[in-house]
C-alpha atoms as a PDB file:
ATOM      1  CA  MET A   1     -22.327   6.134 -11.518  1.00  0.00           C
ATOM      2  CA  PRO A   2     -18.922   6.615 -13.180  1.00  0.00           C
ATOM      3  CA  GLN A   3     -16.721   3.601 -13.576  1.00  0.00           C
ATOM      4  CA  THR A   4     -13.274   3.758 -12.025  1.00  0.00           C
ATOM      5  CA  SER A   5     -10.189   3.801 -14.221  1.00  0.00           C
ATOM      6  CA  THR A   6      -7.503   2.325 -12.022  1.00  0.00           C
ATOM      7  CA  THR A   7      -4.186   4.048 -11.423  1.00  0.00           C
ATOM      8  CA  ARG A   8      -2.520   0.718 -10.687  1.00  0.00           C
ATOM      9  CA  ASN A   9      -0.125  -0.458 -13.374  1.00  0.00           C
ATOM     10  CA  SER A  10      -1.129  -4.082 -12.893  1.00  0.00           C
ATOM     11  CA  LEU A  11      -2.864  -6.401 -10.496  1.00  0.00           C
ATOM     12  CA  PRO A  12      -1.794  -9.970  -9.823  1.00  0.00           C
ATOM     13  CA  GLY A  13      -4.076 -12.762 -10.930  1.00  0.00           C
ATOM     14  CA  LYS A  14      -3.320 -14.611  -7.716  1.00  0.00           C
ATOM     15  CA  TRP A  15      -2.829 -13.117  -4.268  1.00  0.00           C
ATOM     16  CA  ALA A  16      -0.623 -14.259  -1.419  1.00  0.00           C
ATOM     17  CA  PRO A  17      -2.752 -14.101   1.775  1.00  0.00           C
ATOM     18  CA  LEU A  18      -0.332 -11.981   3.796  1.00  0.00           C
ATOM     19  CA  ARG A  19      -1.256 -10.574   7.196  1.00  0.00           C
ATOM     20  CA  ASN A  20      -0.899  -7.006   5.962  1.00  0.00           C
ATOM     21  CA  LEU A  21      -3.716  -7.672   3.507  1.00  0.00           C
ATOM     22  CA  THR A  22      -5.858  -8.704   6.456  1.00  0.00           C
ATOM     23  CA  LEU A  23      -4.834  -5.638   8.457  1.00  0.00           C
ATOM     24  CA  MET A  24      -5.733  -3.304   5.595  1.00  0.00           C
ATOM     25  CA  ASP A  25      -9.032  -5.095   5.032  1.00  0.00           C
ATOM     26  CA  GLU A  26      -9.917  -4.770   8.712  1.00  0.00           C
ATOM     27  CA  LEU A  27      -9.017  -1.071   8.688  1.00  0.00           C
ATOM     28  CA  VAL A  28     -11.247  -0.311   5.710  1.00  0.00           C
ATOM     29  CA  GLU A  29     -14.073  -2.403   7.155  1.00  0.00           C
ATOM     30  CA  THR A  30     -13.810  -0.585  10.501  1.00  0.00           C
ATOM     31  CA  LEU A  31     -14.133   2.770   8.765  1.00  0.00           C
ATOM     32  CA  LYS A  32     -17.023   1.628   6.578  1.00  0.00           C
ATOM     33  CA  THR A  33     -19.044   0.304   9.518  1.00  0.00           C
ATOM     34  CA  ARG A  34     -18.283   3.094  12.010  1.00  0.00           C
ATOM     35  CA  PRO A  35     -21.055   5.052  13.751  1.00  0.00           C
ATOM     36  CA  SER A  36     -22.208   8.095  11.784  1.00  0.00           C
ATOM     37  CA  HIS A  37     -20.754  10.490  14.351  1.00  0.00           C
ATOM     38  CA  ALA A  38     -17.250   8.962  14.131  1.00  0.00           C
ATOM     39  CA  PRO A  39     -14.554  10.275  11.763  1.00  0.00           C
ATOM     40  CA  GLY A  40     -13.709   8.325   8.618  1.00  0.00           C
ATOM     41  CA  LEU A  41      -9.963   8.801   8.256  1.00  0.00           C
ATOM     42  CA  GLY A  42      -7.561   5.900   8.676  1.00  0.00           C
ATOM     43  CA  VAL A  43      -3.774   5.630   8.471  1.00  0.00           C
ATOM     44  CA  PHE A  44      -1.829   2.549   7.362  1.00  0.00           C
ATOM     45  CA  HIS A  45       1.887   3.026   7.903  1.00  0.00           C
ATOM     46  CA  GLY A  46       5.112   1.055   7.802  1.00  0.00           C
ATOM     47  CA  PRO A  47       8.629   0.864   6.359  1.00  0.00           C
ATOM     48  CA  SER A  48       9.247   0.706   2.636  1.00  0.00           C
ATOM     49  CA  GLY A  49       9.030  -2.822   1.278  1.00  0.00           C
ATOM     50  CA  PHE A  50       6.469  -4.099   3.797  1.00  0.00           C
ATOM     51  CA  GLY A  51       3.820  -4.615   1.105  1.00  0.00           C
ATOM     52  CA  LYS A  52       1.599  -1.627   1.855  1.00  0.00           C
ATOM     53  CA  SER A  53       0.899  -0.908  -1.814  1.00  0.00           C
ATOM     54  CA  TYR A  54       0.158  -4.608  -2.349  1.00  0.00           C
ATOM     55  CA  ALA A  55      -2.372  -4.401   0.491  1.00  0.00           C
ATOM     56  CA  CYS A  56      -3.846  -1.262  -1.083  1.00  0.00           C
ATOM     57  CA  ALA A  57      -4.265  -2.986  -4.417  1.00  0.00           C
ATOM     58  CA  ARG A  58      -6.058  -5.903  -2.791  1.00  0.00           C
ATOM     59  CA  ALA A  59      -8.319  -3.601  -0.755  1.00  0.00           C
ATOM     60  CA  SER A  60      -9.182  -1.672  -3.902  1.00  0.00           C
ATOM     61  CA  VAL A  61     -10.506  -4.907  -5.377  1.00  0.00           C
ATOM     62  CA  ASP A  62     -12.266  -6.262  -2.292  1.00  0.00           C
ATOM     63  CA  HIS A  63     -13.879  -2.940  -1.342  1.00  0.00           C
ATOM     64  CA  GLN A  64     -14.138  -1.383  -4.827  1.00  0.00           C
ATOM     65  CA  ALA A  65     -12.042   1.457  -3.454  1.00  0.00           C
ATOM     66  CA  PHE A  66     -10.719   4.387  -5.422  1.00  0.00           C
ATOM     67  CA  TYR A  67      -6.932   4.194  -5.324  1.00  0.00           C
ATOM     68  CA  VAL A  68      -4.422   6.933  -6.133  1.00  0.00           C
ATOM     69  CA  GLU A  69      -0.691   7.184  -5.579  1.00  0.00           C
ATOM     70  CA  ALA A  70       0.468  10.585  -4.361  1.00  0.00           C
ATOM     71  CA  LYS A  71       3.301  12.180  -6.319  1.00  0.00           C
ATOM     72  CA  SER A  72       6.167  14.361  -5.158  1.00  0.00           C
ATOM     73  CA  MET A  73       5.139  17.123  -7.585  1.00  0.00           C
ATOM     74  CA  TRP A  74       1.435  17.248  -6.651  1.00  0.00           C
ATOM     75  CA  SER A  75      -0.307  20.591  -6.247  1.00  0.00           C
ATOM     76  CA  PRO A  76      -3.877  21.028  -4.945  1.00  0.00           C
ATOM     77  CA  ARG A  77      -5.156  20.956  -8.524  1.00  0.00           C
ATOM     78  CA  THR A  78      -3.156  17.934  -9.699  1.00  0.00           C
ATOM     79  CA  MET A  79      -4.111  16.017  -6.555  1.00  0.00           C
ATOM     80  CA  MET A  80      -7.809  16.634  -7.082  1.00  0.00           C
ATOM     81  CA  ALA A  81      -7.480  15.941 -10.814  1.00  0.00           C
ATOM     82  CA  ALA A  82      -5.901  12.552 -10.040  1.00  0.00           C
ATOM     83  CA  ILE A  83      -8.720  11.683  -7.646  1.00  0.00           C
ATOM     84  CA  LEU A  84     -11.422  12.760 -10.089  1.00  0.00           C
ATOM     85  CA  LYS A  85      -9.768  10.806 -12.902  1.00  0.00           C
ATOM     86  CA  GLU A  86      -9.664   7.684 -10.718  1.00  0.00           C
ATOM     87  CA  MET A  87     -13.367   8.190 -10.037  1.00  0.00           C
ATOM     88  CA  GLY A  88     -14.027   8.377 -13.771  1.00  0.00           C
ATOM     89  CA  LEU A  89     -15.256  11.965 -13.475  1.00  0.00           C
ATOM     90  CA  PRO A  90     -14.507  14.806 -15.901  1.00  0.00           C
ATOM     91  CA  VAL A  91     -11.783  17.244 -14.919  1.00  0.00           C
ATOM     92  CA  LYS A  92     -12.850  20.724 -16.010  1.00  0.00           C
ATOM     93  CA  ARG A  93      -9.997  23.131 -16.640  1.00  0.00           C
ATOM     94  CA  SER A  94     -12.146  26.014 -15.452  1.00  0.00           C
ATOM     95  CA  ALA A  95     -13.112  24.337 -12.158  1.00  0.00           C
ATOM     96  CA  THR A  96     -11.865  25.839  -8.914  1.00  0.00           C
ATOM     97  CA  ILE A  97     -10.249  23.654  -6.240  1.00  0.00           C
ATOM     98  CA  HIS A  98     -13.385  24.065  -4.153  1.00  0.00           C
ATOM     99  CA  GLU A  99     -15.548  22.827  -7.026  1.00  0.00           C
ATOM    100  CA  MET A 100     -13.248  19.845  -7.580  1.00  0.00           C
ATOM    101  CA  VAL A 101     -13.430  18.913  -3.892  1.00  0.00           C
ATOM    102  CA  GLU A 102     -17.225  19.158  -3.960  1.00  0.00           C
ATOM    103  CA  GLN A 103     -17.344  17.026  -7.121  1.00  0.00           C
ATOM    104  CA  ALA A 104     -15.195  14.301  -5.546  1.00  0.00           C
ATOM    105  CA  ALA A 105     -17.123  14.479  -2.268  1.00  0.00           C
ATOM    106  CA  GLU A 106     -20.415  13.977  -4.095  1.00  0.00           C
ATOM    107  CA  GLU A 107     -19.009  10.824  -5.698  1.00  0.00           C
ATOM    108  CA  LEU A 108     -17.775   9.493  -2.347  1.00  0.00           C
ATOM    109  CA  GLU A 109     -21.235  10.093  -0.896  1.00  0.00           C
ATOM    110  CA  ALA A 110     -23.102   8.584  -3.839  1.00  0.00           C
ATOM    111  CA  SER A 111     -20.891   5.532  -4.323  1.00  0.00           C
ATOM    112  CA  ARG A 112     -19.937   4.994  -0.656  1.00  0.00           C
ATOM    113  CA  ARG A 113     -16.635   3.669  -1.933  1.00  0.00           C
ATOM    114  CA  PRO A 114     -13.439   4.197   0.060  1.00  0.00           C
ATOM    115  CA  LEU A 115     -10.576   6.356  -1.169  1.00  0.00           C
ATOM    116  CA  LEU A 116      -7.045   5.033  -0.636  1.00  0.00           C
ATOM    117  CA  ILE A 117      -4.176   7.517  -1.002  1.00  0.00           C
ATOM    118  CA  ASP A 118      -0.868   5.668  -1.235  1.00  0.00           C
ATOM    119  CA  GLU A 119       2.520   7.371  -0.762  1.00  0.00           C
ATOM    120  CA  SER A 120       0.798   9.888   1.510  1.00  0.00           C
ATOM    121  CA  ASP A 121       4.097  11.227   2.819  1.00  0.00           C
ATOM    122  CA  HIS A 122       4.040  13.294  -0.383  1.00  0.00           C
ATOM    123  CA  VAL A 123       0.650  14.691   0.660  1.00  0.00           C
ATOM    124  CA  VAL A 124       2.227  15.980   3.855  1.00  0.00           C
ATOM    125  CA  ALA A 125       5.378  17.240   2.150  1.00  0.00           C
ATOM    126  CA  ARG A 126       3.362  19.180  -0.423  1.00  0.00           C
ATOM    127  CA  GLY A 127       1.121  20.787   2.214  1.00  0.00           C
ATOM    128  CA  LEU A 128      -2.021  19.010   1.006  1.00  0.00           C
ATOM    129  CA  VAL A 129      -3.138  17.454   4.286  1.00  0.00           C
ATOM    130  CA  GLU A 130      -5.842  20.049   4.924  1.00  0.00           C
ATOM    131  CA  LEU A 131      -7.204  19.402   1.442  1.00  0.00           C
ATOM    132  CA  VAL A 132      -7.719  15.762   2.442  1.00  0.00           C
ATOM    133  CA  ARG A 133      -9.593  16.989   5.514  1.00  0.00           C
ATOM    134  CA  ASP A 134     -11.755  19.233   3.338  1.00  0.00           C
ATOM    135  CA  LEU A 135     -12.654  16.254   1.164  1.00  0.00           C
ATOM    136  CA  HIS A 136     -13.365  14.080   4.205  1.00  0.00           C
ATOM    137  CA  ASP A 137     -15.596  16.697   5.813  1.00  0.00           C
ATOM    138  CA  ALA A 138     -17.443  17.474   2.582  1.00  0.00           C
ATOM    139  CA  ALA A 139     -18.340  13.780   2.191  1.00  0.00           C
ATOM    140  CA  SER A 140     -19.168  13.152   5.854  1.00  0.00           C
ATOM    141  CA  PRO A 141     -20.640  11.169   7.462  1.00  0.00           C
ATOM    142  CA  VAL A 142     -20.017   8.440   4.867  1.00  0.00           C
ATOM    143  CA  ALA A 143     -16.479   9.334   3.759  1.00  0.00           C
ATOM    144  CA  VAL A 144     -13.834   6.620   4.108  1.00  0.00           C
ATOM    145  CA  ILE A 145     -10.315   7.845   3.342  1.00  0.00           C
ATOM    146  CA  VAL A 146      -7.151   5.884   4.135  1.00  0.00           C
ATOM    147  CA  LEU A 147      -3.739   7.535   4.053  1.00  0.00           C
ATOM    148  CA  VAL A 148      -0.977   5.017   3.373  1.00  0.00           C
ATOM    149  CA  GLY A 149       2.648   5.883   3.942  1.00  0.00           C
ATOM    150  CA  GLU A 150       5.968   5.323   5.612  1.00  0.00           C
ATOM    151  CA  GLU A 151       6.584   4.451   9.249  1.00  0.00           C
ATOM    152  CA  GLY A 152       6.839   8.087  10.322  1.00  0.00           C
ATOM    153  CA  LEU A 153       3.573   9.202   8.688  1.00  0.00           C
ATOM    154  CA  PRO A 154       1.601   9.389  11.984  1.00  0.00           C
ATOM    155  CA  HIS A 155       4.191  11.762  13.442  1.00  0.00           C
ATOM    156  CA  LYS A 156       4.186  13.867  10.272  1.00  0.00           C
ATOM    157  CA  LEU A 157       0.420  14.279  10.656  1.00  0.00           C
ATOM    158  CA  LYS A 158       0.596  15.253  14.327  1.00  0.00           C
ATOM    159  CA  PRO A 159       1.128  19.007  13.710  1.00  0.00           C
ATOM    160  CA  TYR A 160      -2.135  19.051  11.726  1.00  0.00           C
ATOM    161  CA  GLU A 161      -4.441  18.852  14.738  1.00  0.00           C
ATOM    162  CA  ARG A 162      -7.689  19.013  12.782  1.00  0.00           C
ATOM    163  CA  VAL A 163      -6.560  16.104  10.610  1.00  0.00           C
ATOM    164  CA  HIS A 164      -4.906  14.122  13.400  1.00  0.00           C
ATOM    165  CA  GLY A 165      -8.101  14.363  15.437  1.00  0.00           C
ATOM    166  CA  ARG A 166     -10.159  12.906  12.605  1.00  0.00           C
ATOM    167  CA  VAL A 167      -8.140   9.704  12.360  1.00  0.00           C
ATOM    168  CA  ARG A 168     -10.389   6.886  13.499  1.00  0.00           C
ATOM    169  CA  LYS A 169      -7.710   4.194  13.469  1.00  0.00           C
ATOM    170  CA  TRP A 170      -3.944   3.894  13.067  1.00  0.00           C
ATOM    171  CA  VAL A 171      -2.672   0.568  11.743  1.00  0.00           C
ATOM    172  CA  ALA A 172       0.991  -0.414  11.518  1.00  0.00           C
ATOM    173  CA  ALA A 173       2.031  -2.728   8.682  1.00  0.00           C
ATOM    174  CA  GLN A 174       3.864  -5.784   9.974  1.00  0.00           C
ATOM    175  CA  PRO A 175       7.054  -7.423   8.681  1.00  0.00           C
ATOM    176  CA  CYS A 176       6.662 -10.740   6.920  1.00  0.00           C
ATOM    177  CA  ASN A 177       6.880 -13.797   9.129  1.00  0.00           C
ATOM    178  CA  LEU A 178       7.468 -17.414   8.171  1.00  0.00           C
ATOM    179  CA  GLU A 179       3.809 -17.979   7.352  1.00  0.00           C
ATOM    180  CA  ASP A 180       3.823 -14.985   5.001  1.00  0.00           C
ATOM    181  CA  ALA A 181       7.024 -16.248   3.383  1.00  0.00           C
ATOM    182  CA  ARG A 182       5.377 -19.617   2.735  1.00  0.00           C
ATOM    183  CA  ALA A 183       2.477 -17.864   1.015  1.00  0.00           C
ATOM    184  CA  LEU A 184       4.855 -15.801  -1.109  1.00  0.00           C
ATOM    185  CA  ALA A 185       6.826 -18.923  -2.020  1.00  0.00           C
ATOM    186  CA  GLU A 186       3.667 -20.508  -3.424  1.00  0.00           C
ATOM    187  CA  LEU A 187       3.204 -17.412  -5.571  1.00  0.00           C
ATOM    188  CA  TYR A 188       6.793 -16.886  -6.747  1.00  0.00           C
ATOM    189  CA  CYS A 189       8.081 -20.490  -6.691  1.00  0.00           C
ATOM    190  CA  PRO A 190       5.025 -22.515  -7.734  1.00  0.00           C
ATOM    191  CA  ARG A 191       7.110 -25.410  -9.102  1.00  0.00           C
ATOM    192  CA  VAL A 192       9.573 -25.602  -6.218  1.00  0.00           C
ATOM    193  CA  THR A 193       9.067 -26.487  -2.563  1.00  0.00           C
ATOM    194  CA  VAL A 194      11.188 -24.042  -0.568  1.00  0.00           C
ATOM    195  CA  ASP A 195      12.027 -25.595   2.781  1.00  0.00           C
ATOM    196  CA  ASP A 196      11.156 -23.759   5.988  1.00  0.00           C
ATOM    197  CA  ASP A 197      14.802 -23.551   7.037  1.00  0.00           C
ATOM    198  CA  LEU A 198      15.642 -21.511   3.945  1.00  0.00           C
ATOM    199  CA  LEU A 199      12.510 -19.380   4.264  1.00  0.00           C
ATOM    200  CA  ALA A 200      13.238 -18.621   7.924  1.00  0.00           C
ATOM    201  CA  HIS A 201      16.795 -17.658   7.013  1.00  0.00           C
ATOM    202  CA  LEU A 202      15.507 -15.420   4.235  1.00  0.00           C
ATOM    203  CA  VAL A 203      12.991 -13.655   6.499  1.00  0.00           C
ATOM    204  CA  GLN A 204      15.709 -12.951   9.040  1.00  0.00           C
ATOM    205  CA  MET A 205      18.226 -11.718   6.472  1.00  0.00           C
ATOM    206  CA  VAL A 206      15.854  -9.202   4.849  1.00  0.00           C
ATOM    207  CA  GLY A 207      14.189  -8.007   8.036  1.00  0.00           C
ATOM    208  CA  GLY A 208      10.743  -9.180   6.976  1.00  0.00           C
ATOM    209  CA  SER A 209      10.645  -7.042   3.816  1.00  0.00           C
ATOM    210  CA  THR A 210       7.938  -8.379   1.511  1.00  0.00           C
ATOM    211  CA  ARG A 211       9.605  -6.882  -1.540  1.00  0.00           C
ATOM    212  CA  ARG A 212      13.007  -8.404  -0.835  1.00  0.00           C
ATOM    213  CA  ILE A 213      11.529 -11.768   0.019  1.00  0.00           C
ATOM    214  CA  ALA A 214       9.822 -11.748  -3.387  1.00  0.00           C
ATOM    215  CA  VAL A 215      13.066 -10.792  -5.168  1.00  0.00           C
ATOM    216  CA  ASN A 216      14.974 -13.621  -3.495  1.00  0.00           C
ATOM    217  CA  LEU A 217      12.228 -16.157  -4.119  1.00  0.00           C
ATOM    218  CA  GLU A 218      12.508 -15.438  -7.825  1.00  0.00           C
ATOM    219  CA  GLU A 219      16.237 -16.146  -7.538  1.00  0.00           C
ATOM    220  CA  PHE A 220      15.456 -19.397  -5.714  1.00  0.00           C
ATOM    221  CA  ALA A 221      13.077 -20.430  -8.486  1.00  0.00           C
ATOM    222  CA  THR A 222      15.654 -19.684 -11.193  1.00  0.00           C
ATOM    223  CA  PHE A 223      18.368 -21.603  -9.366  1.00  0.00           C
ATOM    224  CA  ALA A 224      16.164 -24.618  -8.657  1.00  0.00           C
ATOM    225  CA  PHE A 225      14.969 -24.746 -12.263  1.00  0.00           C
ATOM    226  CA  GLY A 226      18.538 -24.641 -13.542  1.00  0.00           C
ATOM    227  CA  GLU A 227      19.557 -27.457 -11.209  1.00  0.00           C
ATOM    228  CA  GLY A 228      16.453 -29.529 -11.912  1.00  0.00           C
ATOM    229  CA  MET A 229      15.442 -29.421  -8.241  1.00  0.00           C
ATOM    230  CA  LYS A 230      11.897 -29.806  -6.930  1.00  0.00           C
ATOM    231  CA  THR A 231      12.833 -28.964  -3.329  1.00  0.00           C
ATOM    232  CA  LEU A 232      15.234 -26.289  -2.136  1.00  0.00           C
ATOM    233  CA  THR A 233      16.743 -26.251   1.363  1.00  0.00           C
ATOM    234  CA  LEU A 234      19.132 -23.954   3.187  1.00  0.00           C
ATOM    235  CA  LYS A 235      21.878 -26.522   2.631  1.00  0.00           C
ATOM    236  CA  ASP A 236      21.134 -26.547  -1.111  1.00  0.00           C
ATOM    237  CA  TRP A 237      21.407 -22.767  -1.265  1.00  0.00           C
ATOM    238  CA  GLY A 238      24.666 -22.880   0.668  1.00  0.00           C
ATOM    239  CA  ASN A 239      26.678 -19.685   0.806  1.00  0.00           C
ATOM    240  CA  ARG A 240      25.000 -18.084  -2.196  1.00  0.00           C
ATOM    241  CA  GLU A 241      23.987 -14.487  -1.762  1.00  0.00           C
ATOM    242  CA  ILE A 242      20.715 -13.409  -0.179  1.00  0.00           C
ATOM    243  CA  TYR A 243      19.789 -10.015  -1.562  1.00  0.00           C
ATOM    244  CA  THR A 244      19.229  -7.675   1.395  1.00  0.00           C
ATOM    245  CA  GLY A 245      19.277  -4.332  -0.369  1.00  0.00           C
ATOM    246  CA  ALA A 246      22.539  -3.346   1.299  1.00  0.00           C
ATOM    247  CA  PRO A 247      24.681  -1.170  -0.983  1.00  0.00           C
ATOM    248  CA  PRO A 248      27.909  -2.680  -2.285  1.00  0.00           C
ATOM    249  CA  ALA A 249      31.126  -1.824  -0.509  1.00  0.00           C
ATOM    250  CA  VAL A 250      33.100   1.101  -1.872  1.00  0.00           C
ATOM    251  CA  ARG A 251      35.722  -0.205  -4.276  1.00  0.00           C
ATOM    252  CA  ARG A 252      39.339   0.781  -3.876  1.00  0.00           C
ATOM    253  CA  PHE A 253      41.540   1.184  -6.929  1.00  0.00           C
ATOM    254  CA  ALA A 254      45.306   1.288  -6.861  1.00  0.00           C
END
């Protein structure tokens, strides 16, 4: 069986046990253990910055899943080539799209490994949704394919009735809560104890965005190190900026 060559740029050596990792794990497990007559498509959706790609990366490790990131310039051929490359299979220049789908489907059947397609809004935008259905159907009844995308992905899929009807489960990524922030603090501020009052303030300010929590935690760690502090509270941080991603105000020049 071919060995996968990951499309992920890097994987962390240590993972923060966030609830979105659990939600993704449960989704993949539900699809893997479904009855043979049930469809094997799943959708994991949520706003940018909620840690969906992080959850994908973890699921790819825990479930030995194939993992590709959709691109805005994908065509049917480049999409299938990316999937075959991730599977460690040869991409023949002379192969038709049908042959490439059959090749990938055979690997899904033989390996029984899930396929995670991140940034799937591009799949919809490029008109490739039916190609995903073709792959799913060709590898049925064992195919497990998860489309991962933005909050509006389920509604973007709705016009594609034959795809929409094959979705076994829809799972919404959740914003980080205080417990998630604590876990991220252990990962990004291992030498500093960040007090709950500051973490709660941070979660509120960034709207639960995993990405922005991580960015700010790195700032906390830098500040605490510079001040020689082992514990950091909301009072210690004071009126220093919390990065929220808001654009700067338009400057006015005389």
